[in-house]
Amino acid sequence: MKFNEIVLNKIEVLFQKENLYLSEQFKNYLKFKSNNRVVVICRNERENSNLLYVGRTNDTLYLIDTNIIKKFFISDLENNYWFPESNVDNFINNVFGLFSGKGRELLKEDSTILSSIEEYIKVISKAYTEKLTKK
């Protein structure tokens, strides 16, 4: 199956329960939107990587990477490791596991967890920038 089909078959019904609906679709790229949330699931074939972004509608999207998973959601995925470079089926199963568990809060319009992730990313980015400017 192609990437888009795998994502839609596994994720679409779960997202619809949270009022997120497919709004854009290209090869290896799907964007789901609600009134206040955006989720993008995509694949870069050249780098053999799979990516998940979450954000507010008309605002910044944040990459949900291994560090975010470990810091905010590890309890849900302790037996189901998060490897964006894994094959498509494993990645989508991990995304489904995330959004079926504690990560479901990311899909809710009134969720505070996205604000916590935004703050964490700002702190990490600031520290990284300060480190670069000191060299």
C-alpha atoms as a PDB file:
ATOM      1  CA  MET A   1       0.000   0.000   0.000  1.00  0.00           C
ATOM      2  CA  LYS A   2       1.077   3.553  -0.566  1.00  0.00           C
ATOM      3  CA  PHE A   3       1.870   5.897   2.330  1.00  0.00           C
ATOM      4  CA  ASN A   4      -1.337   7.945   2.038  1.00  0.00           C
ATOM      5  CA  GLU A   5      -3.519   4.831   1.966  1.00  0.00           C
ATOM      6  CA  ILE A   6      -1.811   3.388   5.037  1.00  0.00           C
ATOM      7  CA  VAL A   7      -2.276   6.642   6.969  1.00  0.00           C
ATOM      8  CA  LEU A   8      -5.913   7.009   5.977  1.00  0.00           C
ATOM      9  CA  ASN A   9      -6.770   3.383   6.735  1.00  0.00           C
ATOM     10  CA  LYS A  10      -5.199   3.516  10.190  1.00  0.00           C
ATOM     11  CA  ILE A  11      -5.665   7.106  11.372  1.00  0.00           C
ATOM     12  CA  GLU A  12      -8.616   8.791   9.670  1.00  0.00           C
ATOM     13  CA  VAL A  13     -11.410   7.344  11.831  1.00  0.00           C
ATOM     14  CA  LEU A  14      -9.489   8.155  15.017  1.00  0.00           C
ATOM     15  CA  PHE A  15      -9.002  11.749  13.865  1.00  0.00           C
ATOM     16  CA  GLN A  16     -12.649  12.131  12.831  1.00  0.00           C
ATOM     17  CA  LYS A  17     -13.662  11.312  16.409  1.00  0.00           C
ATOM     18  CA  GLU A  18     -11.760  14.467  17.395  1.00  0.00           C
ATOM     19  CA  ASN A  19     -13.261  16.489  14.505  1.00  0.00           C
ATOM     20  CA  LEU A  20     -10.035  16.472  12.495  1.00  0.00           C
ATOM     21  CA  TYR A  21     -10.663  15.981   8.798  1.00  0.00           C
ATOM     22  CA  LEU A  22      -8.397  15.577   5.808  1.00  0.00           C
ATOM     23  CA  SER A  23      -7.831  19.035   4.303  1.00  0.00           C
ATOM     24  CA  GLU A  24      -4.832  18.506   1.984  1.00  0.00           C
ATOM     25  CA  GLN A  25      -3.294  15.490   0.377  1.00  0.00           C
ATOM     26  CA  PHE A  26      -0.278  15.096  -1.867  1.00  0.00           C
ATOM     27  CA  LYS A  27       2.010  12.167  -2.474  1.00  0.00           C
ATOM     28  CA  ASN A  28       3.398  11.177   0.960  1.00  0.00           C
ATOM     29  CA  TYR A  29       1.730  14.153   2.663  1.00  0.00           C
ATOM     30  CA  LEU A  30      -1.551  14.411   4.545  1.00  0.00           C
ATOM     31  CA  LYS A  31      -2.871  17.386   6.496  1.00  0.00           C
ATOM     32  CA  PHE A  32      -5.779  17.019   8.904  1.00  0.00           C
ATOM     33  CA  LYS A  33      -7.519  20.086  10.343  1.00  0.00           C
ATOM     34  CA  SER A  34     -10.151  21.000  12.889  1.00  0.00           C
ATOM     35  CA  ASN A  35     -11.245  24.457  14.005  1.00  0.00           C
ATOM     36  CA  ASN A  36      -8.154  24.818  16.172  1.00  0.00           C
ATOM     37  CA  ARG A  37      -5.745  21.966  15.354  1.00  0.00           C
ATOM     38  CA  VAL A  38      -3.584  20.865  12.460  1.00  0.00           C
ATOM     39  CA  VAL A  39      -1.832  17.514  12.172  1.00  0.00           C
ATOM     40  CA  VAL A  40       0.523  16.755   9.295  1.00  0.00           C
ATOM     41  CA  ILE A  41       1.834  13.251   8.638  1.00  0.00           C
ATOM     42  CA  CYS A  42       4.391  12.953   5.868  1.00  0.00           C
ATOM     43  CA  ARG A  43       7.196  10.840   4.470  1.00  0.00           C
ATOM     44  CA  ASN A  44      10.464  11.888   2.879  1.00  0.00           C
ATOM     45  CA  GLU A  45      11.516   9.020   0.628  1.00  0.00           C
ATOM     46  CA  ARG A  46      14.983  10.454  -0.092  1.00  0.00           C
ATOM     47  CA  GLU A  47      15.882  10.455   3.590  1.00  0.00           C
ATOM     48  CA  ASN A  48      13.733   7.442   4.433  1.00  0.00           C
ATOM     49  CA  SER A  49      12.067   9.435   7.199  1.00  0.00           C
ATOM     50  CA  ASN A  50       8.531   9.823   8.487  1.00  0.00           C
ATOM     51  CA  LEU A  51       7.432  13.032  10.164  1.00  0.00           C
ATOM     52  CA  LEU A  52       4.591  14.123  12.424  1.00  0.00           C
ATOM     53  CA  TYR A  53       3.736  17.780  13.031  1.00  0.00           C
ATOM     54  CA  VAL A  54       1.045  19.191  15.318  1.00  0.00           C
ATOM     55  CA  GLY A  55      -0.032  22.777  15.849  1.00  0.00           C
ATOM     56  CA  ARG A  56      -2.870  25.240  15.999  1.00  0.00           C
ATOM     57  CA  THR A  57      -4.736  26.263  12.868  1.00  0.00           C
ATOM     58  CA  ASN A  58      -3.013  29.219  11.155  1.00  0.00           C
ATOM     59  CA  ASP A  59      -0.043  29.007  13.521  1.00  0.00           C
ATOM     60  CA  THR A  60       3.313  27.251  13.873  1.00  0.00           C
ATOM     61  CA  LEU A  61       3.450  23.486  13.442  1.00  0.00           C
ATOM     62  CA  TYR A  62       5.752  21.601  15.815  1.00  0.00           C
ATOM     63  CA  LEU A  63       7.670  18.469  14.941  1.00  0.00           C
ATOM     64  CA  ILE A  64       6.729  15.665  17.315  1.00  0.00           C
ATOM     65  CA  ASP A  65      10.086  13.932  17.510  1.00  0.00           C
ATOM     66  CA  THR A  66      11.657  11.353  19.783  1.00  0.00           C
ATOM     67  CA  ASN A  67      12.542  13.970  22.423  1.00  0.00           C
ATOM     68  CA  ILE A  68       8.943  15.219  22.620  1.00  0.00           C
ATOM     69  CA  ILE A  69       7.650  11.650  22.796  1.00  0.00           C
ATOM     70  CA  LYS A  70      10.038  10.770  25.631  1.00  0.00           C
ATOM     71  CA  LYS A  71       9.395  13.950  27.612  1.00  0.00           C
ATOM     72  CA  PHE A  72       5.611  14.098  27.320  1.00  0.00           C
ATOM     73  CA  PHE A  73       4.292  10.659  26.335  1.00  0.00           C
ATOM     74  CA  ILE A  74       6.797   7.924  27.203  1.00  0.00           C
ATOM     75  CA  SER A  75       4.373   6.066  29.454  1.00  0.00           C
ATOM     76  CA  ASP A  76       2.169   5.270  26.475  1.00  0.00           C
ATOM     77  CA  LEU A  77       4.972   4.107  24.221  1.00  0.00           C
ATOM     78  CA  GLU A  78       7.399   2.340  26.532  1.00  0.00           C
ATOM     79  CA  ASN A  79       6.944  -0.952  24.671  1.00  0.00           C
ATOM     80  CA  ASN A  80       6.417   0.639  21.273  1.00  0.00           C
ATOM     81  CA  TYR A  81       9.495   2.672  20.394  1.00  0.00           C
ATOM     82  CA  TRP A  82       9.243   5.827  18.329  1.00  0.00           C
ATOM     83  CA  PHE A  83      11.463   5.565  15.259  1.00  0.00           C
ATOM     84  CA  PRO A  84      10.604   8.096  12.544  1.00  0.00           C
ATOM     85  CA  GLU A  85      13.078   6.365  10.213  1.00  0.00           C
ATOM     86  CA  SER A  86      11.293   3.045  10.642  1.00  0.00           C
ATOM     87  CA  ASN A  87       9.186   1.561   7.921  1.00  0.00           C
ATOM     88  CA  VAL A  88       5.846   3.161   7.181  1.00  0.00           C
ATOM     89  CA  ASP A  89       3.726   0.517   8.910  1.00  0.00           C
ATOM     90  CA  ASN A  90       5.699   0.758  12.160  1.00  0.00           C
ATOM     91  CA  PHE A  91       5.662   4.550  12.092  1.00  0.00           C
ATOM     92  CA  ILE A  92       1.907   4.750  11.501  1.00  0.00           C
ATOM     93  CA  ASN A  93       1.289   2.137  14.208  1.00  0.00           C
ATOM     94  CA  ASN A  94       3.318   4.319  16.582  1.00  0.00           C
ATOM     95  CA  VAL A  95       1.362   7.429  15.563  1.00  0.00           C
ATOM     96  CA  PHE A  96      -1.882   5.524  16.114  1.00  0.00           C
ATOM     97  CA  GLY A  97      -0.627   4.349  19.523  1.00  0.00           C
ATOM     98  CA  LEU A  98       0.315   7.896  20.464  1.00  0.00           C
ATOM     99  CA  PHE A  99      -3.072   9.362  19.525  1.00  0.00           C
ATOM    100  CA  SER A 100      -4.985   6.442  21.024  1.00  0.00           C
ATOM    101  CA  GLY A 101      -3.323   7.044  24.386  1.00  0.00           C
ATOM    102  CA  LYS A 102      -2.024  10.041  26.262  1.00  0.00           C
ATOM    103  CA  GLY A 103      -1.194  11.827  23.011  1.00  0.00           C
ATOM    104  CA  ARG A 104      -4.893  12.127  22.237  1.00  0.00           C
ATOM    105  CA  GLU A 105      -4.764  15.350  24.264  1.00  0.00           C
ATOM    106  CA  LEU A 106      -2.831  16.900  21.367  1.00  0.00           C
ATOM    107  CA  LEU A 107      -5.920  16.546  19.194  1.00  0.00           C
ATOM    108  CA  LYS A 108      -8.288  18.297  21.573  1.00  0.00           C
ATOM    109  CA  GLU A 109      -9.049  21.937  20.921  1.00  0.00           C
ATOM    110  CA  ASP A 110      -8.782  22.982  24.574  1.00  0.00           C
ATOM    111  CA  SER A 111      -5.668  20.955  25.342  1.00  0.00           C
ATOM    112  CA  THR A 112      -2.909  22.498  27.428  1.00  0.00           C
ATOM    113  CA  ILE A 113      -0.308  19.932  26.384  1.00  0.00           C
ATOM    114  CA  LEU A 114       0.393  21.704  23.093  1.00  0.00           C
ATOM    115  CA  SER A 115       1.209  24.863  25.055  1.00  0.00           C
ATOM    116  CA  SER A 116       3.625  22.846  27.195  1.00  0.00           C
ATOM    117  CA  ILE A 117       5.296  21.435  24.091  1.00  0.00           C
ATOM    118  CA  GLU A 118       5.552  24.915  22.557  1.00  0.00           C
ATOM    119  CA  GLU A 119       7.217  26.234  25.713  1.00  0.00           C
ATOM    120  CA  TYR A 120       9.626  23.289  25.830  1.00  0.00           C
ATOM    121  CA  ILE A 121      10.628  23.819  22.178  1.00  0.00           C
ATOM    122  CA  LYS A 122      11.200  27.545  22.805  1.00  0.00           C
ATOM    123  CA  VAL A 123      13.495  26.771  25.750  1.00  0.00           C
ATOM    124  CA  ILE A 124      15.450  24.185  23.738  1.00  0.00           C
ATOM    125  CA  SER A 125      15.728  26.536  20.751  1.00  0.00           C
ATOM    126  CA  LYS A 126      16.906  29.423  22.909  1.00  0.00           C
ATOM    127  CA  ALA A 127      19.583  27.265  24.555  1.00  0.00           C
ATOM    128  CA  TYR A 128      20.739  26.022  21.153  1.00  0.00           C
ATOM    129  CA  THR A 129      20.916  29.564  19.740  1.00  0.00           C
ATOM    130  CA  GLU A 130      22.846  30.810  22.782  1.00  0.00           C
ATOM    131  CA  LYS A 131      25.313  27.962  22.385  1.00  0.00           C
ATOM    132  CA  LEU A 132      25.876  28.853  18.734  1.00  0.00           C
ATOM    133  CA  THR A 133      26.364  32.553  19.407  1.00  0.00           C
ATOM    134  CA  LYS A 134      28.986  31.879  22.098  1.00  0.00           C
ATOM    135  CA  LYS A 135      31.292  30.102  19.639  1.00  0.00           C
END
